[in-house]
C-alpha atoms as a PDB file:
ATOM      1  CA  MET A   1     -71.792 -16.684 -37.582  1.00  0.00           C
ATOM      2  CA  GLN A   2     -70.391 -19.002 -35.637  1.00  0.00           C
ATOM      3  CA  ASN A   3     -66.995 -18.296 -37.243  1.00  0.00           C
ATOM      4  CA  LEU A   4     -67.447 -14.730 -36.128  1.00  0.00           C
ATOM      5  CA  ILE A   5     -67.523 -15.358 -32.352  1.00  0.00           C
ATOM      6  CA  SER A   6     -64.947 -17.607 -32.640  1.00  0.00           C
ATOM      7  CA  ALA A   7     -62.956 -14.817 -34.379  1.00  0.00           C
ATOM      8  CA  ILE A   8     -64.097 -12.574 -31.404  1.00  0.00           C
ATOM      9  CA  LEU A   9     -63.627 -14.861 -28.686  1.00  0.00           C
ATOM     10  CA  ILE A  10     -59.999 -16.011 -29.869  1.00  0.00           C
ATOM     11  CA  LYS A  11     -59.024 -12.131 -29.985  1.00  0.00           C
ATOM     12  CA  MET A  12     -60.417 -11.789 -26.906  1.00  0.00           C
ATOM     13  CA  ALA A  13     -58.355 -14.360 -25.441  1.00  0.00           C
ATOM     14  CA  LYS A  14     -55.411 -12.731 -26.861  1.00  0.00           C
ATOM     15  CA  VAL A  15     -56.032  -9.247 -25.656  1.00  0.00           C
ATOM     16  CA  ASP A  16     -56.677 -10.757 -21.997  1.00  0.00           C
ATOM     17  CA  SER A  17     -53.392 -12.667 -22.390  1.00  0.00           C
ATOM     18  CA  GLN A  18     -51.659  -9.547 -23.598  1.00  0.00           C
ATOM     19  CA  SER A  19     -53.140  -7.474 -20.620  1.00  0.00           C
ATOM     20  CA  LYS A  20     -51.713 -10.013 -18.210  1.00  0.00           C
ATOM     21  CA  ASP A  21     -48.604 -10.173 -19.262  1.00  0.00           C
ATOM     22  CA  LEU A  22     -48.495  -6.123 -19.266  1.00  0.00           C
ATOM     23  CA  ALA A  23     -49.939  -6.307 -15.504  1.00  0.00           C
ATOM     24  CA  ALA A  24     -47.163  -9.174 -14.727  1.00  0.00           C
ATOM     25  CA  GLN A  25     -44.661  -6.476 -15.930  1.00  0.00           C
ATOM     26  CA  VAL A  26     -45.696  -3.475 -14.517  1.00  0.00           C
ATOM     27  CA  ASP A  27     -45.981  -5.804 -11.170  1.00  0.00           C
ATOM     28  CA  ALA A  28     -42.469  -6.736 -11.284  1.00  0.00           C
ATOM     29  CA  GLN A  29     -40.736  -3.328 -11.761  1.00  0.00           C
ATOM     30  CA  SER A  30     -42.794  -2.208  -9.041  1.00  0.00           C
ATOM     31  CA  LEU A  31     -41.178  -4.561  -6.866  1.00  0.00           C
ATOM     32  CA  LEU A  32     -37.994  -4.185  -8.070  1.00  0.00           C
ATOM     33  CA  MET A  33     -38.329  -0.410  -7.663  1.00  0.00           C
ATOM     34  CA  ALA A  34     -39.574  -1.054  -4.096  1.00  0.00           C
ATOM     35  CA  ALA A  35     -36.465  -3.327  -3.486  1.00  0.00           C
ATOM     36  CA  MET A  36     -33.981  -0.761  -4.604  1.00  0.00           C
ATOM     37  CA  CYS A  37     -35.441   1.639  -2.534  1.00  0.00           C
ATOM     38  CA  LEU A  38     -34.974  -0.491   0.746  1.00  0.00           C
ATOM     39  CA  THR A  39     -31.832  -0.391   0.004  1.00  0.00           C
ATOM     40  CA  LEU A  40     -31.632   3.477   0.315  1.00  0.00           C
ATOM     41  CA  LYS A  41     -29.506   4.743   2.986  1.00  0.00           C
ATOM     42  CA  ARG A  42     -32.021   7.065   5.334  1.00  0.00           C
ATOM     43  CA  GLY A  43     -32.462  10.154   3.865  1.00  0.00           C
ATOM     44  CA  GLU A  44     -31.719   9.118   0.253  1.00  0.00           C
ATOM     45  CA  HIS A  45     -35.763   9.011  -0.723  1.00  0.00           C
ATOM     46  CA  ASP A  46     -35.682  12.620  -0.718  1.00  0.00           C
ATOM     47  CA  SER A  47     -32.937  12.834  -3.064  1.00  0.00           C
ATOM     48  CA  LEU A  48     -34.411  10.106  -5.270  1.00  0.00           C
ATOM     49  CA  SER A  49     -37.577  11.572  -5.465  1.00  0.00           C
ATOM     50  CA  THR A  50     -36.327  15.059  -6.516  1.00  0.00           C
ATOM     51  CA  ASN A  51     -33.846  13.288  -9.162  1.00  0.00           C
ATOM     52  CA  ILE A  52     -36.763  11.658 -11.157  1.00  0.00           C
ATOM     53  CA  LEU A  53     -39.111  14.693 -10.735  1.00  0.00           C
ATOM     54  CA  LYS A  54     -36.092  16.463 -12.487  1.00  0.00           C
ATOM     55  CA  ALA A  55     -35.777  14.047 -15.162  1.00  0.00           C
ATOM     56  CA  MET A  56     -39.638  13.813 -15.939  1.00  0.00           C
ATOM     57  CA  THR A  57     -39.708  17.443 -16.127  1.00  0.00           C
ATOM     58  CA  ALA A  58     -36.734  17.720 -18.538  1.00  0.00           C
ATOM     59  CA  ALA A  59     -38.569  15.174 -20.637  1.00  0.00           C
ATOM     60  CA  THR A  60     -41.497  16.804 -20.454  1.00  0.00           C
ATOM     61  CA  VAL A  61     -40.206  19.802 -21.854  1.00  0.00           C
ATOM     62  CA  ALA A  62     -37.799  18.278 -23.951  1.00  0.00           C
ATOM     63  CA  SER A  63     -40.730  16.256 -25.859  1.00  0.00           C
ATOM     64  CA  LYS A  64     -43.817  17.563 -27.168  1.00  0.00           C
ATOM     65  CA  GLU A  65     -45.233  13.867 -27.205  1.00  0.00           C
ATOM     66  CA  ILE A  66     -44.918  13.918 -23.651  1.00  0.00           C
ATOM     67  CA  LEU A  67     -48.285  14.550 -22.136  1.00  0.00           C
ATOM     68  CA  GLN A  68     -48.190  16.879 -18.755  1.00  0.00           C
ATOM     69  CA  SER A  69     -51.029  14.716 -17.592  1.00  0.00           C
ATOM     70  CA  ASP A  70     -48.978  11.462 -18.503  1.00  0.00           C
ATOM     71  CA  ALA A  71     -46.074  12.312 -16.637  1.00  0.00           C
ATOM     72  CA  ASP A  72     -48.035  13.784 -13.464  1.00  0.00           C
ATOM     73  CA  LEU A  73     -49.997  10.068 -13.196  1.00  0.00           C
ATOM     74  CA  LEU A  74     -46.580   8.729 -13.407  1.00  0.00           C
ATOM     75  CA  LEU A  75     -44.575  10.548 -10.886  1.00  0.00           C
ATOM     76  CA  MET A  76     -47.686  10.269  -8.620  1.00  0.00           C
ATOM     77  CA  HIS A  77     -47.099   6.287  -8.975  1.00  0.00           C
ATOM     78  CA  ILE A  78     -43.431   6.561  -8.740  1.00  0.00           C
ATOM     79  CA  ASN A  79     -43.684   9.003  -5.409  1.00  0.00           C
ATOM     80  CA  ARG A  80     -46.302   6.374  -3.590  1.00  0.00           C
ATOM     81  CA  LEU A  81     -43.684   3.611  -3.837  1.00  0.00           C
ATOM     82  CA  ILE A  82     -41.055   5.742  -2.624  1.00  0.00           C
ATOM     83  CA  SER A  83     -43.088   6.445  -0.189  1.00  0.00           C
ATOM     84  CA  ILE A  84     -44.256   2.829   1.010  1.00  0.00           C
ATOM     85  CA  THR A  85     -40.457   1.908   1.202  1.00  0.00           C
ATOM     86  CA  HIS A  86     -39.877   4.720   3.157  1.00  0.00           C
ATOM     87  CA  PHE A  87     -42.648   3.796   5.571  1.00  0.00           C
ATOM     88  CA  VAL A  88     -41.691   0.163   5.358  1.00  0.00           C
ATOM     89  CA  GLU A  89     -38.091   1.416   6.031  1.00  0.00           C
ATOM     90  CA  VAL A  90     -39.327   3.534   9.335  1.00  0.00           C
ATOM     91  CA  HIS A  91     -41.773   1.357  10.729  1.00  0.00           C
ATOM     92  CA  VAL A  92     -40.363  -2.019  10.403  1.00  0.00           C
ATOM     93  CA  GLU A  93     -37.165  -3.703  11.704  1.00  0.00           C
ATOM     94  CA  PRO A  94     -34.528  -4.031   8.994  1.00  0.00           C
ATOM     95  CA  LEU A  95     -34.493  -7.343   6.806  1.00  0.00           C
ATOM     96  CA  ALA A  96     -31.393  -8.740   7.930  1.00  0.00           C
ATOM     97  CA  GLU A  97     -32.538  -8.800  11.240  1.00  0.00           C
ATOM     98  CA  THR A  98     -35.981 -10.350  10.765  1.00  0.00           C
ATOM     99  CA  THR A  99     -35.650 -12.682   7.806  1.00  0.00           C
ATOM    100  CA  PRO A 100     -34.739 -16.122   8.858  1.00  0.00           C
ATOM    101  CA  SER A 101     -31.571 -17.870   7.170  1.00  0.00           C
ATOM    102  CA  LEU A 102     -32.275 -19.802   4.385  1.00  0.00           C
ATOM    103  CA  GLU A 103     -29.378 -22.427   5.394  1.00  0.00           C
ATOM    104  CA  GLY A 104     -31.055 -22.863   9.082  1.00  0.00           C
ATOM    105  CA  ASP A 105     -34.422 -23.590   7.233  1.00  0.00           C
ATOM    106  CA  ARG A 106     -32.368 -25.850   5.029  1.00  0.00           C
ATOM    107  CA  ALA A 107     -31.104 -27.826   7.904  1.00  0.00           C
ATOM    108  CA  GLY A 108     -34.622 -29.196   9.002  1.00  0.00           C
ATOM    109  CA  ASP A 109     -35.134 -30.194   5.654  1.00  0.00           C
END
């Protein structure tokens, strides 16, 4: 019985570790996409969103393996990321003006 419990606990630990790794990958990709969106010029967010929608639509039409509900969920998250970065762009001063210089920080070290 102890071996069974130990085996279950080990399996749960592996699944937890894999889950954390996957969550870290998703977070990293979200941050990367947000950073890329912040580099877009004003007005390009709509173009990016439209191009992603066209690509997702083409993929769901071309493949029966892609569920429309999955594509809609993915598109919802992508649009949320784009809208957040658009909000930041509109309501926050440009990063170059507000971010302190690393060289200036090192001088005080």
